[in-house]
Amino acid sequence: MDVVFGLIPMMLFFGFLVVVVFIWMAKSGQFDDLDGAANSIFMDDEFDEELKKKNAEVNSAEASGHSKELKEDKPS
């Protein structure tokens, strides 16, 4: 029975902490866009053509010996 007297205040504190964290997350915008991440899988990359063009430039520059100039701009 003595354990219950220790567990009740501990669970009340834990519950209060959960409510505070939930309110903080809601105010910081954590729950604003719930469908965005789920639907982003269906979206094409916007810059796919740009990346292909940039990679082609880097490859042609490496073939001609000017690789130092373009390697800094090469996307990772």
N, C-alpha and C. Protein backbone atom coordinates (compact mmCIF):
# COMPACT_ATOMS: atom_id res chain seq x y z
N MET A 1 0.81 -1.20 0.00
CA MET A 1 0.00 0.00 0.00
C MET A 1 0.86 1.26 0.00
N ASP A 2 2.03 1.17 0.61
CA ASP A 2 2.92 2.33 0.65
C ASP A 2 3.42 2.69 -0.76
N VAL A 3 3.50 1.71 -1.64
CA VAL A 3 3.96 1.96 -3.00
C VAL A 3 2.96 2.83 -3.75
N VAL A 4 1.67 2.64 -3.49
CA VAL A 4 0.64 3.41 -4.17
C VAL A 4 0.77 4.90 -3.84
N PHE A 5 1.14 5.21 -2.63
CA PHE A 5 1.29 6.60 -2.23
C PHE A 5 2.48 7.26 -2.94
N GLY A 6 3.41 6.49 -3.42
CA GLY A 6 4.51 7.03 -4.20
C GLY A 6 4.18 7.08 -5.68
N LEU A 7 3.40 6.10 -6.15
CA LEU A 7 3.09 6.03 -7.57
C LEU A 7 2.07 7.09 -8.01
N ILE A 8 1.12 7.40 -7.17
CA ILE A 8 0.08 8.36 -7.55
C ILE A 8 0.68 9.74 -7.84
N PRO A 9 1.49 10.31 -6.96
CA PRO A 9 2.08 11.62 -7.30
C PRO A 9 3.02 11.55 -8.51
N MET A 10 3.72 10.43 -8.65
CA MET A 10 4.63 10.29 -9.79
C MET A 10 3.84 10.25 -11.10
N MET A 11 2.73 9.54 -11.13
CA MET A 11 1.92 9.46 -12.35
C MET A 11 1.21 10.79 -12.63
N LEU A 12 0.81 11.51 -11.60
CA LEU A 12 0.21 12.83 -11.79
C LEU A 12 1.24 13.79 -12.40
N PHE A 13 2.47 13.74 -11.90
CA PHE A 13 3.53 14.58 -12.45
C PHE A 13 3.82 14.19 -13.90
N PHE A 14 3.89 12.90 -14.19
CA PHE A 14 4.15 12.43 -15.54
C PHE A 14 3.02 12.85 -16.48
N GLY A 15 1.78 12.74 -16.04
CA GLY A 15 0.64 13.16 -16.86
C GLY A 15 0.67 14.65 -17.14
N PHE A 16 1.00 15.44 -16.13
CA PHE A 16 1.12 16.88 -16.31
C PHE A 16 2.23 17.21 -17.31
N LEU A 17 3.34 16.48 -17.22
CA LEU A 17 4.45 16.69 -18.15
C LEU A 17 4.05 16.35 -19.58
N VAL A 18 3.28 15.30 -19.77
CA VAL A 18 2.81 14.92 -21.11
C VAL A 18 1.90 16.00 -21.68
N VAL A 19 1.02 16.54 -20.87
CA VAL A 19 0.11 17.59 -21.33
C VAL A 19 0.89 18.84 -21.71
N VAL A 20 1.88 19.20 -20.93
CA VAL A 20 2.70 20.38 -21.23
C VAL A 20 3.47 20.19 -22.54
N VAL A 21 4.04 19.01 -22.74
CA VAL A 21 4.78 18.74 -23.98
C VAL A 21 3.83 18.76 -25.17
N PHE A 22 2.63 18.21 -25.02
CA PHE A 22 1.67 18.21 -26.11
C PHE A 22 1.27 19.64 -26.49
N ILE A 23 1.02 20.48 -25.51
CA ILE A 23 0.65 21.87 -25.78
C ILE A 23 1.81 22.60 -26.45
N TRP A 24 3.02 22.37 -25.97
CA TRP A 24 4.20 23.00 -26.58
C TRP A 24 4.35 22.57 -28.03
N MET A 25 4.15 21.28 -28.33
CA MET A 25 4.27 20.80 -29.71
C MET A 25 3.17 21.39 -30.60
N ALA A 26 1.97 21.51 -30.08
CA ALA A 26 0.88 22.07 -30.86
C ALA A 26 1.13 23.55 -31.18
N LYS A 27 1.68 24.29 -30.22
CA LYS A 27 1.96 25.71 -30.46
C LYS A 27 3.14 25.92 -31.39
N SER A 28 4.07 24.98 -31.43
CA SER A 28 5.23 25.14 -32.30
C SER A 28 4.96 24.70 -33.73
N GLY A 29 3.75 24.21 -34.02
CA GLY A 29 3.38 23.87 -35.38
C GLY A 29 3.70 22.44 -35.78
N GLN A 30 3.91 21.57 -34.83
CA GLN A 30 4.27 20.19 -35.12
C GLN A 30 3.14 19.45 -35.85
N PHE A 31 1.90 19.82 -35.58
CA PHE A 31 0.76 19.10 -36.14
C PHE A 31 0.06 19.88 -37.26
N ASP A 32 0.72 20.87 -37.84
CA ASP A 32 0.08 21.70 -38.86
C ASP A 32 -0.16 20.96 -40.17
N ASP A 33 0.81 20.18 -40.62
CA ASP A 33 0.69 19.52 -41.92
C ASP A 33 0.86 18.02 -41.74
N LEU A 34 -0.23 17.34 -41.43
CA LEU A 34 -0.17 15.90 -41.18
C LEU A 34 -0.11 15.09 -42.46
N ASP A 35 -0.64 15.63 -43.57
CA ASP A 35 -0.68 14.87 -44.82
C ASP A 35 0.49 15.19 -45.74
N GLY A 36 1.25 16.21 -45.45
CA GLY A 36 2.33 16.61 -46.34
C GLY A 36 3.39 15.56 -46.52
N ALA A 37 3.85 14.98 -45.43
CA ALA A 37 4.90 13.95 -45.53
C ALA A 37 4.36 12.69 -46.19
N ALA A 38 3.11 12.36 -45.92
CA ALA A 38 2.54 11.16 -46.52
C ALA A 38 2.34 11.32 -48.02
N ASN A 39 2.01 12.52 -48.47
CA ASN A 39 1.78 12.75 -49.90
C ASN A 39 3.05 13.12 -50.65
N SER A 40 4.12 13.44 -49.95
CA SER A 40 5.35 13.83 -50.64
C SER A 40 5.97 12.66 -51.39
N ILE A 41 5.60 11.45 -51.03
CA ILE A 41 6.12 10.28 -51.73
C ILE A 41 5.61 10.23 -53.17
N PHE A 42 4.47 10.86 -53.44
CA PHE A 42 3.88 10.83 -54.77
C PHE A 42 4.37 11.98 -55.66
N MET A 43 5.11 12.93 -55.09
CA MET A 43 5.57 14.08 -55.84
C MET A 43 6.90 13.78 -56.53
N ASP A 44 7.06 14.29 -57.75
CA ASP A 44 8.33 14.16 -58.44
C ASP A 44 9.29 15.19 -57.90
N ASP A 45 10.57 14.91 -58.06
CA ASP A 45 11.57 15.89 -57.67
C ASP A 45 11.46 17.10 -58.58
N GLU A 46 11.42 18.28 -58.00
CA GLU A 46 11.25 19.50 -58.78
C GLU A 46 12.49 19.81 -59.62
N PHE A 47 13.65 19.48 -59.10
CA PHE A 47 14.89 19.90 -59.73
C PHE A 47 15.61 18.73 -60.42
N ASP A 48 14.87 17.75 -60.87
CA ASP A 48 15.47 16.58 -61.48
C ASP A 48 16.24 16.95 -62.75
N GLU A 49 15.65 17.79 -63.61
CA GLU A 49 16.33 18.19 -64.84
C GLU A 49 17.56 19.02 -64.55
N GLU A 50 17.47 19.91 -63.53
CA GLU A 50 18.62 20.73 -63.18
C GLU A 50 19.78 19.88 -62.68
N LEU A 51 19.48 18.87 -61.87
CA LEU A 51 20.54 18.01 -61.37
C LEU A 51 21.20 17.22 -62.49
N LYS A 52 20.40 16.74 -63.44
CA LYS A 52 20.97 16.01 -64.57
C LYS A 52 21.88 16.92 -65.40
N LYS A 53 21.44 18.17 -65.61
CA LYS A 53 22.23 19.11 -66.39
C LYS A 53 23.54 19.44 -65.66
N LYS A 54 23.45 19.64 -64.34
CA LYS A 54 24.63 19.96 -63.55
C LYS A 54 25.61 18.79 -63.53
N ASN A 55 25.10 17.57 -63.40
CA ASN A 55 25.97 16.39 -63.43
C ASN A 55 26.63 16.23 -64.79
N ALA A 56 25.91 16.54 -65.85
CA ALA A 56 26.49 16.46 -67.19
C ALA A 56 27.60 17.49 -67.35
N GLU A 57 27.41 18.69 -66.80
CA GLU A 57 28.45 19.72 -66.86
C GLU A 57 29.69 19.28 -66.10
N VAL A 58 29.49 18.71 -64.93
CA VAL A 58 30.62 18.26 -64.11
C VAL A 58 31.36 17.14 -64.82
N ASN A 59 30.62 16.21 -65.40
CA ASN A 59 31.27 15.10 -66.11
C ASN A 59 32.04 15.59 -67.32
N SER A 60 31.49 16.54 -68.06
CA SER A 60 32.21 17.06 -69.23
C SER A 60 33.42 17.88 -68.80
N ALA A 61 33.31 18.60 -67.69
CA ALA A 61 34.45 19.38 -67.19
C ALA A 61 35.57 18.47 -66.69
N GLU A 62 35.20 17.36 -66.06
CA GLU A 62 36.21 16.42 -65.59
C GLU A 62 36.92 15.78 -66.78
N ALA A 63 36.19 15.54 -67.85
CA ALA A 63 36.79 14.94 -69.03
C ALA A 63 37.75 15.92 -69.71
N SER A 64 37.46 17.22 -69.63
CA SER A 64 38.32 18.21 -70.28
C SER A 64 39.42 18.73 -69.36
N GLY A 65 39.41 18.34 -68.09
CA GLY A 65 40.48 18.75 -67.18
C GLY A 65 40.17 19.97 -66.34
N HIS A 66 38.96 20.49 -66.36
CA HIS A 66 38.58 21.66 -65.57
C HIS A 66 37.72 21.26 -64.38
N SER A 67 38.07 20.20 -63.71
CA SER A 67 37.21 19.66 -62.66
C SER A 67 37.27 20.46 -61.37
N LYS A 68 38.37 21.19 -61.10
CA LYS A 68 38.48 21.94 -59.86
C LYS A 68 37.44 23.04 -59.76
N GLU A 69 37.11 23.66 -60.87
CA GLU A 69 36.19 24.79 -60.86
C GLU A 69 34.76 24.35 -60.54
N LEU A 70 34.34 23.21 -61.05
CA LEU A 70 32.95 22.79 -60.89
C LEU A 70 32.73 21.83 -59.74
N LYS A 71 33.77 21.24 -59.19
CA LYS A 71 33.57 20.29 -58.10
C LYS A 71 32.99 20.95 -56.87
N GLU A 72 33.29 22.23 -56.65
CA GLU A 72 32.75 22.93 -55.50
C GLU A 72 31.26 23.10 -55.59
N ASP A 73 30.72 23.23 -56.81
CA ASP A 73 29.29 23.41 -57.00
C ASP A 73 28.55 22.09 -57.12
N LYS A 74 29.24 20.99 -57.17
CA LYS A 74 28.62 19.69 -57.39
C LYS A 74 27.75 19.31 -56.19
N PRO A 75 26.47 18.96 -56.42
CA PRO A 75 25.62 18.58 -55.29
C PRO A 75 26.03 17.25 -54.71
N SER A 76 25.84 17.10 -53.40
CA SER A 76 26.23 15.87 -52.73
C SER A 76 25.14 14.84 -52.83
